[in-house]
Amino acid sequence: MSVPGILAAVVGDPAVAGLPRDTPLLSGGLGLDSVTVVRLLAEIRTATGVDVADLDLDLDALATIGTLTDFVAAHREQRGGGKPGDGGEQGDGGEPGDGGGGEQRGGGEQAADAQG
């Protein structure tokens, strides 16, 4: 599913999938609230394996529909899942719903090495 399609499903309005790429996601545009943003990012992680919140700490990717779509596409390509701009199905980050490849987030081995 594409990022605009995921967004439309999360907000419950199919018309959102057809909005221009430069439509702001937050103020001055769709006006998504924090709960909706969390739901959106969770659905993107489930569908694509890309954890936007983990990879983009400033959340600059949430500026517009286009910036979010491009961010997800770029990180899917880095993970080996999909072509740029396709926002397609699950890449190689694990099964849907498993957090999209926890091995990238972990760092437990590094922490253990630092302590020992």
PDB file of N, CA and C in Angstrom:
ATOM      1  N   MET A   1       0.855  -1.181   0.000  1.00  0.00           N
ATOM      2  CA  MET A   1       0.000   0.000   0.000  1.00  0.00           C
ATOM      3  C   MET A   1       0.896   1.238   0.000  1.00  0.00           C
ATOM      4  N   SER A   2       0.493   2.251  -0.725  1.00  0.00           N
ATOM      5  CA  SER A   2       1.259   3.492  -0.812  1.00  0.00           C
ATOM      6  C   SER A   2       1.085   4.325   0.456  1.00  0.00           C
ATOM      7  N   VAL A   3       2.015   5.243   0.687  1.00  0.00           N
ATOM      8  CA  VAL A   3       1.912   6.133   1.846  1.00  0.00           C
ATOM      9  C   VAL A   3       0.616   6.946   1.791  1.00  0.00           C
ATOM     10  N   PRO A   4       0.256   7.545   0.636  1.00  0.00           N
ATOM     11  CA  PRO A   4      -1.033   8.248   0.603  1.00  0.00           C
ATOM     12  C   PRO A   4      -2.213   7.311   0.901  1.00  0.00           C
ATOM     13  N   GLY A   5      -2.129   6.069   0.464  1.00  0.00           N
ATOM     14  CA  GLY A   5      -3.190   5.104   0.756  1.00  0.00           C
ATOM     15  C   GLY A   5      -3.275   4.782   2.236  1.00  0.00           C
ATOM     16  N   ILE A   6      -2.117   4.633   2.875  1.00  0.00           N
ATOM     17  CA  ILE A   6      -2.077   4.382   4.321  1.00  0.00           C
ATOM     18  C   ILE A   6      -2.649   5.586   5.059  1.00  0.00           C
ATOM     19  N   LEU A   7      -2.259   6.777   4.644  1.00  0.00           N
ATOM     20  CA  LEU A   7      -2.765   8.002   5.260  1.00  0.00           C
ATOM     21  C   LEU A   7      -4.281   8.074   5.141  1.00  0.00           C
ATOM     22  N   ALA A   8      -4.810   7.785   3.956  1.00  0.00           N
ATOM     23  CA  ALA A   8      -6.258   7.819   3.747  1.00  0.00           C
ATOM     24  C   ALA A   8      -6.968   6.828   4.661  1.00  0.00           C
ATOM     25  N   ALA A   9      -6.388   5.638   4.827  1.00  0.00           N
ATOM     26  CA  ALA A   9      -6.990   4.629   5.698  1.00  0.00           C
ATOM     27  C   ALA A   9      -6.970   5.077   7.158  1.00  0.00           C
ATOM     28  N   VAL A  10      -5.869   5.676   7.582  1.00  0.00           N
ATOM     29  CA  VAL A  10      -5.751   6.111   8.980  1.00  0.00           C
ATOM     30  C   VAL A  10      -6.733   7.222   9.303  1.00  0.00           C
ATOM     31  N   VAL A  11      -6.907   8.180   8.393  1.00  0.00           N
ATOM     32  CA  VAL A  11      -7.830   9.285   8.675  1.00  0.00           C
ATOM     33  C   VAL A  11      -9.264   8.945   8.306  1.00  0.00           C
ATOM     34  N   GLY A  12      -9.455   7.827   7.617  1.00  0.00           N
ATOM     35  CA  GLY A  12     -10.808   7.391   7.280  1.00  0.00           C
ATOM     36  C   GLY A  12     -11.452   8.170   6.151  1.00  0.00           C
ATOM     37  N   ASP A  13     -10.634   8.696   5.238  1.00  0.00           N
ATOM     38  CA  ASP A  13     -11.156   9.472   4.119  1.00  0.00           C
ATOM     39  C   ASP A  13     -10.402   9.094   2.853  1.00  0.00           C
ATOM     40  N   PRO A  14     -11.016   8.298   1.968  1.00  0.00           N
ATOM     41  CA  PRO A  14     -10.335   7.860   0.748  1.00  0.00           C
ATOM     42  C   PRO A  14      -9.855   9.015  -0.134  1.00  0.00           C
ATOM     43  N   ALA A  15     -10.502  10.163  -0.056  1.00  0.00           N
ATOM     44  CA  ALA A  15     -10.115  11.309  -0.874  1.00  0.00           C
ATOM     45  C   ALA A  15      -8.719  11.815  -0.531  1.00  0.00           C
ATOM     46  N   VAL A  16      -8.252  11.555   0.679  1.00  0.00           N
ATOM     47  CA  VAL A  16      -6.934  12.009   1.114  1.00  0.00           C
ATOM     48  C   VAL A  16      -5.838  11.399   0.234  1.00  0.00           C
ATOM     49  N   ALA A  17      -6.047  10.200  -0.271  1.00  0.00           N
ATOM     50  CA  ALA A  17      -5.043   9.538  -1.108  1.00  0.00           C
ATOM     51  C   ALA A  17      -4.774  10.308  -2.402  1.00  0.00           C
ATOM     52  N   GLY A  18      -5.702  11.148  -2.821  1.00  0.00           N
ATOM     53  CA  GLY A  18      -5.534  11.901  -4.049  1.00  0.00           C
ATOM     54  C   GLY A  18      -5.084  13.336  -3.860  1.00  0.00           C
ATOM     55  N   LEU A  19      -4.771  13.722  -2.626  1.00  0.00           N
ATOM     56  CA  LEU A  19      -4.322  15.094  -2.377  1.00  0.00           C
ATOM     57  C   LEU A  19      -2.934  15.333  -2.974  1.00  0.00           C
ATOM     58  N   PRO A  20      -2.620  16.583  -3.309  1.00  0.00           N
ATOM     59  CA  PRO A  20      -1.296  16.896  -3.864  1.00  0.00           C
ATOM     60  C   PRO A  20      -0.174  16.560  -2.888  1.00  0.00           C
ATOM     61  N   ARG A  21       0.997  16.235  -3.435  1.00  0.00           N
ATOM     62  CA  ARG A  21       2.169  15.885  -2.627  1.00  0.00           C
ATOM     63  C   ARG A  21       2.592  17.008  -1.690  1.00  0.00           C
ATOM     64  N   ASP A  22       2.293  18.254  -2.046  1.00  0.00           N
ATOM     65  CA  ASP A  22       2.738  19.373  -1.211  1.00  0.00           C
ATOM     66  C   ASP A  22       1.740  19.730  -0.109  1.00  0.00           C
ATOM     67  N   THR A  23       0.748  18.884   0.109  1.00  0.00           N
ATOM     68  CA  THR A  23      -0.227  19.108   1.181  1.00  0.00           C
ATOM     69  C   THR A  23       0.444  18.880   2.532  1.00  0.00           C
ATOM     70  N   PRO A  24       0.467  19.896   3.412  1.00  0.00           N
ATOM     71  CA  PRO A  24       1.051  19.711   4.741  1.00  0.00           C
ATOM     72  C   PRO A  24       0.260  18.681   5.551  1.00  0.00           C
ATOM     73  N   LEU A  25       0.987  17.892   6.320  1.00  0.00           N
ATOM     74  CA  LEU A  25       0.337  16.888   7.161  1.00  0.00           C
ATOM     75  C   LEU A  25      -0.163  17.485   8.474  1.00  0.00           C
ATOM     76  N   LEU A  26       0.526  18.483   8.952  1.00  0.00           N
ATOM     77  CA  LEU A  26       0.186  19.037  10.257  1.00  0.00           C
ATOM     78  C   LEU A  26      -0.537  20.367  10.079  1.00  0.00           C
ATOM     79  N   SER A  27      -0.078  21.431  10.695  1.00  0.00           N
ATOM     80  CA  SER A  27      -0.778  22.716  10.627  1.00  0.00           C
ATOM     81  C   SER A  27      -0.767  23.273   9.213  1.00  0.00           C
ATOM     82  N   GLY A  28      -1.860  23.942   8.846  1.00  0.00           N
ATOM     83  CA  GLY A  28      -1.974  24.536   7.531  1.00  0.00           C
ATOM     84  C   GLY A  28      -2.343  23.558   6.434  1.00  0.00           C
ATOM     85  N   GLY A  29      -2.619  22.323   6.803  1.00  0.00           N
ATOM     86  CA  GLY A  29      -2.963  21.302   5.818  1.00  0.00           C
ATOM     87  C   GLY A  29      -3.998  20.353   6.392  1.00  0.00           C
ATOM     88  N   LEU A  30      -3.614  19.093   6.503  1.00  0.00           N
ATOM     89  CA  LEU A  30      -4.544  18.098   7.058  1.00  0.00           C
ATOM     90  C   LEU A  30      -4.779  18.301   8.544  1.00  0.00           C
ATOM     91  N   GLY A  31      -3.853  18.934   9.232  1.00  0.00           N
ATOM     92  CA  GLY A  31      -4.019  19.199  10.657  1.00  0.00           C
ATOM     93  C   GLY A  31      -4.060  17.941  11.507  1.00  0.00           C
ATOM     94  N   LEU A  32      -3.219  16.955  11.167  1.00  0.00           N
ATOM     95  CA  LEU A  32      -3.204  15.719  11.948  1.00  0.00           C
ATOM     96  C   LEU A  32      -2.809  16.005  13.387  1.00  0.00           C
ATOM     97  N   ASP A  33      -3.523  15.383  14.318  1.00  0.00           N
ATOM     98  CA  ASP A  33      -3.158  15.534  15.720  1.00  0.00           C
ATOM     99  C   ASP A  33      -2.135  14.459  16.089  1.00  0.00           C
ATOM    100  N   SER A  34      -1.602  14.542  17.292  1.00  0.00           N
ATOM    101  CA  SER A  34      -0.520  13.645  17.696  1.00  0.00           C
ATOM    102  C   SER A  34      -0.940  12.184  17.702  1.00  0.00           C
ATOM    103  N   VAL A  35      -2.158  11.887  18.094  1.00  0.00           N
ATOM    104  CA  VAL A  35      -2.631  10.504  18.111  1.00  0.00           C
ATOM    105  C   VAL A  35      -2.709   9.950  16.686  1.00  0.00           C
ATOM    106  N   THR A  36      -3.189  10.765  15.763  1.00  0.00           N
ATOM    107  CA  THR A  36      -3.287  10.329  14.367  1.00  0.00           C
ATOM    108  C   THR A  36      -1.900  10.137  13.770  1.00  0.00           C
ATOM    109  N   VAL A  37      -0.950  10.994  14.117  1.00  0.00           N
ATOM    110  CA  VAL A  37       0.419  10.843  13.624  1.00  0.00           C
ATOM    111  C   VAL A  37       1.022   9.537  14.135  1.00  0.00           C
ATOM    112  N   VAL A  38       0.812   9.224  15.394  1.00  0.00           N
ATOM    113  CA  VAL A  38       1.322   7.970  15.959  1.00  0.00           C
ATOM    114  C   VAL A  38       0.705   6.779  15.226  1.00  0.00           C
ATOM    115  N   ARG A  39      -0.597   6.829  14.982  1.00  0.00           N
ATOM    116  CA  ARG A  39      -1.263   5.745  14.244  1.00  0.00           C
ATOM    117  C   ARG A  39      -0.713   5.640  12.821  1.00  0.00           C
ATOM    118  N   LEU A  40      -0.494   6.782  12.174  1.00  0.00           N
ATOM    119  CA  LEU A  40       0.040   6.797  10.814  1.00  0.00           C
ATOM    120  C   LEU A  40       1.425   6.154  10.777  1.00  0.00           C
ATOM    121  N   LEU A  41       2.293   6.556  11.687  1.00  0.00           N
ATOM    122  CA  LEU A  41       3.647   6.017  11.702  1.00  0.00           C
ATOM    123  C   LEU A  41       3.656   4.526  12.020  1.00  0.00           C
ATOM    124  N   ALA A  42       2.754   4.080  12.878  1.00  0.00           N
ATOM    125  CA  ALA A  42       2.654   2.651  13.177  1.00  0.00           C
ATOM    126  C   ALA A  42       2.193   1.860  11.948  1.00  0.00           C
ATOM    127  N   GLU A  43       1.232   2.404  11.227  1.00  0.00           N
ATOM    128  CA  GLU A  43       0.744   1.725  10.015  1.00  0.00           C
ATOM    129  C   GLU A  43       1.816   1.696   8.932  1.00  0.00           C
ATOM    130  N   ILE A  44       2.568   2.775   8.803  1.00  0.00           N
ATOM    131  CA  ILE A  44       3.666   2.802   7.826  1.00  0.00           C
ATOM    132  C   ILE A  44       4.712   1.758   8.194  1.00  0.00           C
ATOM    133  N   ARG A  45       5.050   1.675   9.470  1.00  0.00           N
ATOM    134  CA  ARG A  45       6.031   0.683   9.924  1.00  0.00           C
ATOM    135  C   ARG A  45       5.544  -0.728   9.640  1.00  0.00           C
ATOM    136  N   THR A  46       4.273  -0.981   9.898  1.00  0.00           N
ATOM    137  CA  THR A  46       3.707  -2.308   9.657  1.00  0.00           C
ATOM    138  C   THR A  46       3.693  -2.651   8.168  1.00  0.00           C
ATOM    139  N   ALA A  47       3.292  -1.699   7.352  1.00  0.00           N
ATOM    140  CA  ALA A  47       3.133  -1.963   5.915  1.00  0.00           C
ATOM    141  C   ALA A  47       4.449  -1.977   5.152  1.00  0.00           C
ATOM    142  N   THR A  48       5.429  -1.190   5.610  1.00  0.00           N
ATOM    143  CA  THR A  48       6.648  -1.028   4.823  1.00  0.00           C
ATOM    144  C   THR A  48       7.913  -1.470   5.542  1.00  0.00           C
ATOM    145  N   GLY A  49       7.854  -1.618   6.855  1.00  0.00           N
ATOM    146  CA  GLY A  49       9.048  -1.947   7.620  1.00  0.00           C
ATOM    147  C   GLY A  49       9.906  -0.739   7.930  1.00  0.00           C
ATOM    148  N   VAL A  50       9.472   0.455   7.536  1.00  0.00           N
ATOM    149  CA  VAL A  50      10.239   1.678   7.781  1.00  0.00           C
ATOM    150  C   VAL A  50       9.708   2.346   9.046  1.00  0.00           C
ATOM    151  N   ASP A  51      10.583   2.523  10.027  1.00  0.00           N
ATOM    152  CA  ASP A  51      10.211   3.169  11.282  1.00  0.00           C
ATOM    153  C   ASP A  51      10.619   4.644  11.195  1.00  0.00           C
ATOM    154  N   VAL A  52       9.697   5.468  10.725  1.00  0.00           N
ATOM    155  CA  VAL A  52       9.982   6.885  10.496  1.00  0.00           C
ATOM    156  C   VAL A  52      10.444   7.556  11.777  1.00  0.00           C
ATOM    157  N   ALA A  53       9.770   7.305  12.881  1.00  0.00           N
ATOM    158  CA  ALA A  53      10.111   7.970  14.142  1.00  0.00           C
ATOM    159  C   ALA A  53      11.509   7.596  14.610  1.00  0.00           C
ATOM    160  N   ASP A  54      11.945   6.370  14.330  1.00  0.00           N
ATOM    161  CA  ASP A  54      13.267   5.924  14.742  1.00  0.00           C
ATOM    162  C   ASP A  54      14.357   6.483  13.837  1.00  0.00           C
ATOM    163  N   LEU A  55      14.047   6.633  12.555  1.00  0.00           N
ATOM    164  CA  LEU A  55      15.037   7.064  11.570  1.00  0.00           C
ATOM    165  C   LEU A  55      15.108   8.578  11.394  1.00  0.00           C
ATOM    166  N   ASP A  56      14.044   9.284  11.727  1.00  0.00           N
ATOM    167  CA  ASP A  56      13.970  10.735  11.517  1.00  0.00           C
ATOM    168  C   ASP A  56      13.587  11.393  12.834  1.00  0.00           C
ATOM    169  N   LEU A  57      14.577  11.579  13.696  1.00  0.00           N
ATOM    170  CA  LEU A  57      14.292  12.053  15.051  1.00  0.00           C
ATOM    171  C   LEU A  57      13.644  13.428  15.092  1.00  0.00           C
ATOM    172  N   ASP A  58      13.931  14.276  14.108  1.00  0.00           N
ATOM    173  CA  ASP A  58      13.305  15.599  14.057  1.00  0.00           C
ATOM    174  C   ASP A  58      11.929  15.549  13.396  1.00  0.00           C
ATOM    175  N   LEU A  59      11.588  14.406  12.804  1.00  0.00           N
ATOM    176  CA  LEU A  59      10.328  14.197  12.103  1.00  0.00           C
ATOM    177  C   LEU A  59      10.108  15.208  10.980  1.00  0.00           C
ATOM    178  N   ASP A  60      11.209  15.613  10.334  1.00  0.00           N
ATOM    179  CA  ASP A  60      11.113  16.500   9.174  1.00  0.00           C
ATOM    180  C   ASP A  60      10.327  15.851   8.044  1.00  0.00           C
ATOM    181  N   ALA A  61      10.316  14.531   8.012  1.00  0.00           N
ATOM    182  CA  ALA A  61       9.602  13.804   6.962  1.00  0.00           C
ATOM    183  C   ALA A  61       8.095  14.048   7.024  1.00  0.00           C
ATOM    184  N   LEU A  62       7.608  14.563   8.141  1.00  0.00           N
ATOM    185  CA  LEU A  62       6.174  14.787   8.304  1.00  0.00           C
ATOM    186  C   LEU A  62       5.713  16.143   7.786  1.00  0.00           C
ATOM    187  N   ALA A  63       6.557  16.843   7.055  1.00  0.00           N
ATOM    188  CA  ALA A  63       6.183  18.168   6.566  1.00  0.00           C
ATOM    189  C   ALA A  63       4.994  18.094   5.606  1.00  0.00           C
ATOM    190  N   THR A  64       5.095  17.232   4.607  1.00  0.00           N
ATOM    191  CA  THR A  64       4.025  17.113   3.606  1.00  0.00           C
ATOM    192  C   THR A  64       3.819  15.648   3.241  1.00  0.00           C
ATOM    193  N   ILE A  65       2.775  15.387   2.480  1.00  0.00           N
ATOM    194  CA  ILE A  65       2.539  14.034   1.979  1.00  0.00           C
ATOM    195  C   ILE A  65       3.739  13.586   1.147  1.00  0.00           C
ATOM    196  N   GLY A  66       4.270  14.492   0.335  1.00  0.00           N
ATOM    197  CA  GLY A  66       5.400  14.161  -0.527  1.00  0.00           C
ATOM    198  C   GLY A  66       6.676  13.860   0.236  1.00  0.00           C
ATOM    199  N   THR A  67       6.980  14.651   1.274  1.00  0.00           N
ATOM    200  CA  THR A  67       8.210  14.399   2.030  1.00  0.00           C
ATOM    201  C   THR A  67       8.132  13.060   2.751  1.00  0.00           C
ATOM    202  N   LEU A  68       6.964  12.715   3.254  1.00  0.00           N
ATOM    203  CA  LEU A  68       6.798  11.428   3.924  1.00  0.00           C
ATOM    204  C   LEU A  68       6.905  10.278   2.926  1.00  0.00           C
ATOM    205  N   THR A  69       6.269  10.432   1.769  1.00  0.00           N
ATOM    206  CA  THR A  69       6.333   9.403   0.728  1.00  0.00           C
ATOM    207  C   THR A  69       7.778   9.184   0.279  1.00  0.00           C
ATOM    208  N   ASP A  70       8.498  10.270   0.047  1.00  0.00           N
ATOM    209  CA  ASP A  70       9.892  10.170  -0.404  1.00  0.00           C
ATOM    210  C   ASP A  70      10.779   9.545   0.661  1.00  0.00           C
ATOM    211  N   PHE A  71      10.572   9.915   1.923  1.00  0.00           N
ATOM    212  CA  PHE A  71      11.357   9.374   3.032  1.00  0.00           C
ATOM    213  C   PHE A  71      11.178   7.865   3.122  1.00  0.00           C
ATOM    214  N   VAL A  72       9.925   7.423   3.086  1.00  0.00           N
ATOM    215  CA  VAL A  72       9.641   5.989   3.182  1.00  0.00           C
ATOM    216  C   VAL A  72      10.237   5.251   1.984  1.00  0.00           C
ATOM    217  N   ALA A  73      10.067   5.801   0.784  1.00  0.00           N
ATOM    218  CA  ALA A  73      10.605   5.155  -0.418  1.00  0.00           C
ATOM    219  C   ALA A  73      12.129   5.037  -0.345  1.00  0.00           C
ATOM    220  N   ALA A  74      12.805   6.079   0.099  1.00  0.00           N
ATOM    221  CA  ALA A  74      14.265   6.053   0.187  1.00  0.00           C
ATOM    222  C   ALA A  74      14.741   5.007   1.186  1.00  0.00           C
ATOM    223  N   HIS A  75      14.070   4.892   2.309  1.00  0.00           N
ATOM    224  CA  HIS A  75      14.491   3.931   3.329  1.00  0.00           C
ATOM    225  C   HIS A  75      14.089   2.507   2.960  1.00  0.00           C
ATOM    226  N   ARG A  76      13.022   2.363   2.211  1.00  0.00           N
ATOM    227  CA  ARG A  76      12.662   1.023   1.716  1.00  0.00           C
ATOM    228  C   ARG A  76      13.728   0.545   0.736  1.00  0.00           C
ATOM    229  N   GLU A  77      14.217   1.439  -0.104  1.00  0.00           N
ATOM    230  CA  GLU A  77      15.255   1.059  -1.066  1.00  0.00           C
ATOM    231  C   GLU A  77      16.531   0.663  -0.325  1.00  0.00           C
ATOM    232  N   GLN A  78      16.895   1.392   0.720  1.00  0.00           N
ATOM    233  CA  GLN A  78      18.085   1.060   1.501  1.00  0.00           C
ATOM    234  C   GLN A  78      17.957  -0.313   2.129  1.00  0.00           C
ATOM    235  N   ARG A  79      16.726  -0.679   2.492  1.00  0.00           N
ATOM    236  CA  ARG A  79      16.464  -1.974   3.123  1.00  0.00           C
ATOM    237  C   ARG A  79      16.300  -3.077   2.086  1.00  0.00           C
ATOM    238  N   GLY A  80      16.272  -2.707   0.812  1.00  0.00           N
ATOM    239  CA  GLY A  80      16.121  -3.702  -0.238  1.00  0.00           C
ATOM    240  C   GLY A  80      14.686  -4.058  -0.530  1.00  0.00           C
ATOM    241  N   GLY A  81      13.752  -3.198  -0.158  1.00  0.00           N
ATOM    242  CA  GLY A  81      12.339  -3.509  -0.374  1.00  0.00           C
ATOM    243  C   GLY A  81      11.647  -2.464  -1.201  1.00  0.00           C
ATOM    244  N   GLY A  82      11.533  -2.663  -2.488  1.00  0.00           N
ATOM    245  CA  GLY A  82      10.751  -1.772  -3.321  1.00  0.00           C
ATOM    246  C   GLY A  82      11.588  -0.784  -4.089  1.00  0.00           C
ATOM    247  N   LYS A  83      10.924  -0.082  -4.985  1.00  0.00           N
ATOM    248  CA  LYS A  83      11.561   0.924  -5.830  1.00  0.00           C
ATOM    249  C   LYS A  83      11.264   2.307  -5.266  1.00  0.00           C
ATOM    250  N   PRO A  84      12.126   3.279  -5.555  1.00  0.00           N
ATOM    251  CA  PRO A  84      11.849   4.634  -5.078  1.00  0.00           C
ATOM    252  C   PRO A  84      10.505   5.126  -5.584  1.00  0.00           C
ATOM    253  N   GLY A  85       9.736   5.683  -4.671  1.00  0.00           N
ATOM    254  CA  GLY A  85       8.467   6.269  -5.050  1.00  0.00           C
ATOM    255  C   GLY A  85       7.302   5.310  -5.103  1.00  0.00           C
ATOM    256  N   ASP A  86       7.560   3.992  -4.952  1.00  0.00           N
ATOM    257  CA  ASP A  86       6.430   3.079  -5.083  1.00  0.00           C
ATOM    258  C   ASP A  86       5.665   2.926  -3.782  1.00  0.00           C
ATOM    259  N   GLY A  87       6.314   3.146  -2.631  1.00  0.00           N
ATOM    260  CA  GLY A  87       5.625   3.031  -1.347  1.00  0.00           C
ATOM    261  C   GLY A  87       4.917   1.699  -1.208  1.00  0.00           C
ATOM    262  N   GLY A  88       5.443   0.668  -1.815  1.00  0.00           N
ATOM    263  CA  GLY A  88       4.783  -0.629  -1.949  1.00  0.00           C
ATOM    264  C   GLY A  88       4.740  -1.471  -0.702  1.00  0.00           C
ATOM    265  N   GLU A  89       4.745  -2.765  -0.922  1.00  0.00           N
ATOM    266  CA  GLU A  89       4.552  -3.706   0.163  1.00  0.00           C
ATOM    267  C   GLU A  89       5.797  -3.894   1.013  1.00  0.00           C
ATOM    268  N   GLN A  90       5.673  -4.798   1.981  1.00  0.00           N
ATOM    269  CA  GLN A  90       6.707  -5.114   2.948  1.00  0.00           C
ATOM    270  C   GLN A  90       8.030  -5.446   2.281  1.00  0.00           C
ATOM    271  N   GLY A  91       9.098  -4.850   2.774  1.00  0.00           N
ATOM    272  CA  GLY A  91      10.441  -5.173   2.295  1.00  0.00           C
ATOM    273  C   GLY A  91      11.002  -6.342   3.071  1.00  0.00           C
ATOM    274  N   ASP A  92      12.308  -6.328   3.318  1.00  0.00           N
ATOM    275  CA  ASP A  92      12.933  -7.450   3.999  1.00  0.00           C
ATOM    276  C   ASP A  92      13.076  -7.196   5.492  1.00  0.00           C
ATOM    277  N   GLY A  93      12.280  -6.297   6.051  1.00  0.00           N
ATOM    278  CA  GLY A  93      12.413  -5.934   7.452  1.00  0.00           C
ATOM    279  C   GLY A  93      11.642  -6.805   8.404  1.00  0.00           C
ATOM    280  N   GLY A  94      11.115  -7.942   7.956  1.00  0.00           N
ATOM    281  CA  GLY A  94      10.398  -8.833   8.838  1.00  0.00           C
ATOM    282  C   GLY A  94       8.953  -8.955   8.424  1.00  0.00           C
ATOM    283  N   GLU A  95       8.196  -9.543   9.264  1.00  0.00           N
ATOM    284  CA  GLU A  95       6.785  -9.750   8.983  1.00  0.00           C
ATOM    285  C   GLU A  95       5.973  -8.544   9.416  1.00  0.00           C
ATOM    286  N   PRO A  96       4.834  -8.287   8.733  1.00  0.00           N
ATOM    287  CA  PRO A  96       3.983  -7.174   9.162  1.00  0.00           C
ATOM    288  C   PRO A  96       3.597  -7.331  10.626  1.00  0.00           C
ATOM    289  N   GLY A  97       3.722  -6.244  11.355  1.00  0.00           N
ATOM    290  CA  GLY A  97       3.317  -6.262  12.758  1.00  0.00           C
ATOM    291  C   GLY A  97       4.435  -6.599  13.722  1.00  0.00           C
ATOM    292  N   ASP A  98       5.641  -6.964  13.193  1.00  0.00           N
ATOM    293  CA  ASP A  98       6.695  -7.340  14.123  1.00  0.00           C
ATOM    294  C   ASP A  98       7.641  -6.191  14.432  1.00  0.00           C
ATOM    295  N   GLY A  99       7.305  -4.993  13.980  1.00  0.00           N
ATOM    296  CA  GLY A  99       8.155  -3.848  14.260  1.00  0.00           C
ATOM    297  C   GLY A  99       9.154  -3.577  13.167  1.00  0.00           C
ATOM    298  N   GLY A 100       9.078  -4.332  12.084  1.00  0.00           N
ATOM    299  CA  GLY A 100       9.893  -4.038  10.924  1.00  0.00           C
ATOM    300  C   GLY A 100      11.382  -4.274  11.094  1.00  0.00           C
ATOM    301  N   GLY A 101      11.764  -5.324  11.758  1.00  0.00           N
ATOM    302  CA  GLY A 101      13.187  -5.648  11.825  1.00  0.00           C
ATOM    303  C   GLY A 101      13.857  -5.078  13.052  1.00  0.00           C
ATOM    304  N   GLY A 102      13.538  -5.609  14.206  1.00  0.00           N
ATOM    305  CA  GLY A 102      14.073  -5.107  15.462  1.00  0.00           C
ATOM    306  C   GLY A 102      15.586  -5.089  15.531  1.00  0.00           C
ATOM    307  N   GLU A 103      16.255  -5.920  14.695  1.00  0.00           N
ATOM    308  CA  GLU A 103      17.700  -5.961  14.767  1.00  0.00           C
ATOM    309  C   GLU A 103      18.331  -4.612  14.443  1.00  0.00           C
ATOM    310  N   GLN A 104      17.666  -3.781  13.707  1.00  0.00           N
ATOM    311  CA  GLN A 104      18.206  -2.473  13.389  1.00  0.00           C
ATOM    312  C   GLN A 104      18.087  -1.521  14.567  1.00  0.00           C
ATOM    313  N   ARG A 105      17.141  -1.742  15.416  1.00  0.00           N
ATOM    314  CA  ARG A 105      16.892  -0.829  16.529  1.00  0.00           C
ATOM    315  C   ARG A 105      17.658  -1.223  17.771  1.00  0.00           C
ATOM    316  N   GLY A 106      17.985  -2.493  17.910  1.00  0.00           N
ATOM    317  CA  GLY A 106      18.482  -3.074  19.143  1.00  0.00           C
ATOM    318  C   GLY A 106      19.676  -2.390  19.756  1.00  0.00           C
ATOM    319  N   GLY A 107      20.860  -2.768  19.333  1.00  0.00           N
ATOM    320  CA  GLY A 107      22.072  -2.235  19.934  1.00  0.00           C
ATOM    321  C   GLY A 107      22.383  -2.871  21.272  1.00  0.00           C
ATOM    322  N   GLY A 108      21.665  -3.925  21.658  1.00  0.00           N
ATOM    323  CA  GLY A 108      21.894  -4.572  22.941  1.00  0.00           C
ATOM    324  C   GLY A 108      23.292  -5.131  23.074  1.00  0.00           C
ATOM    325  N   GLU A 109      23.830  -5.662  21.969  1.00  0.00           N
ATOM    326  CA  GLU A 109      25.180  -6.208  22.015  1.00  0.00           C
ATOM    327  C   GLU A 109      26.187  -5.102  22.275  1.00  0.00           C
ATOM    328  N   GLN A 110      25.981  -3.945  21.665  1.00  0.00           N
ATOM    329  CA  GLN A 110      26.886  -2.831  21.868  1.00  0.00           C
ATOM    330  C   GLN A 110      26.839  -2.376  23.326  1.00  0.00           C
ATOM    331  N   ALA A 111      25.615  -2.317  23.869  1.00  0.00           N
ATOM    332  CA  ALA A 111      25.489  -1.900  25.267  1.00  0.00           C
ATOM    333  C   ALA A 111      26.169  -2.887  26.193  1.00  0.00           C
ATOM    334  N   ALA A 112      26.050  -4.198  25.902  1.00  0.00           N
ATOM    335  CA  ALA A 112      26.677  -5.213  26.733  1.00  0.00           C
ATOM    336  C   ALA A 112      28.207  -5.094  26.660  1.00  0.00           C
ATOM    337  N   ASP A 113      28.729  -4.830  25.466  1.00  0.00           N
ATOM    338  CA  ASP A 113      30.162  -4.661  25.301  1.00  0.00           C
ATOM    339  C   ASP A 113      30.671  -3.453  26.078  1.00  0.00           C
ATOM    340  N   ALA A 114      29.898  -2.377  26.069  1.00  0.00           N
ATOM    341  CA  ALA A 114      30.318  -1.156  26.746  1.00  0.00           C
ATOM    342  C   ALA A 114      30.361  -1.346  28.249  1.00  0.00           C
ATOM    343  N   GLN A 115      29.471  -2.222  28.761  1.00  0.00           N
ATOM    344  CA  GLN A 115      29.422  -2.432  30.210  1.00  0.00           C
ATOM    345  C   GLN A 115      30.491  -3.426  30.666  1.00  0.00           C
ATOM    346  N   GLY A 116      30.887  -4.312  29.783  1.00  0.00           N
ATOM    347  CA  GLY A 116      31.772  -5.398  30.195  1.00  0.00           C
ATOM    348  C   GLY A 116      33.138  -5.145  29.914  1.00  0.00           C
TER     349      GLY A 116
END
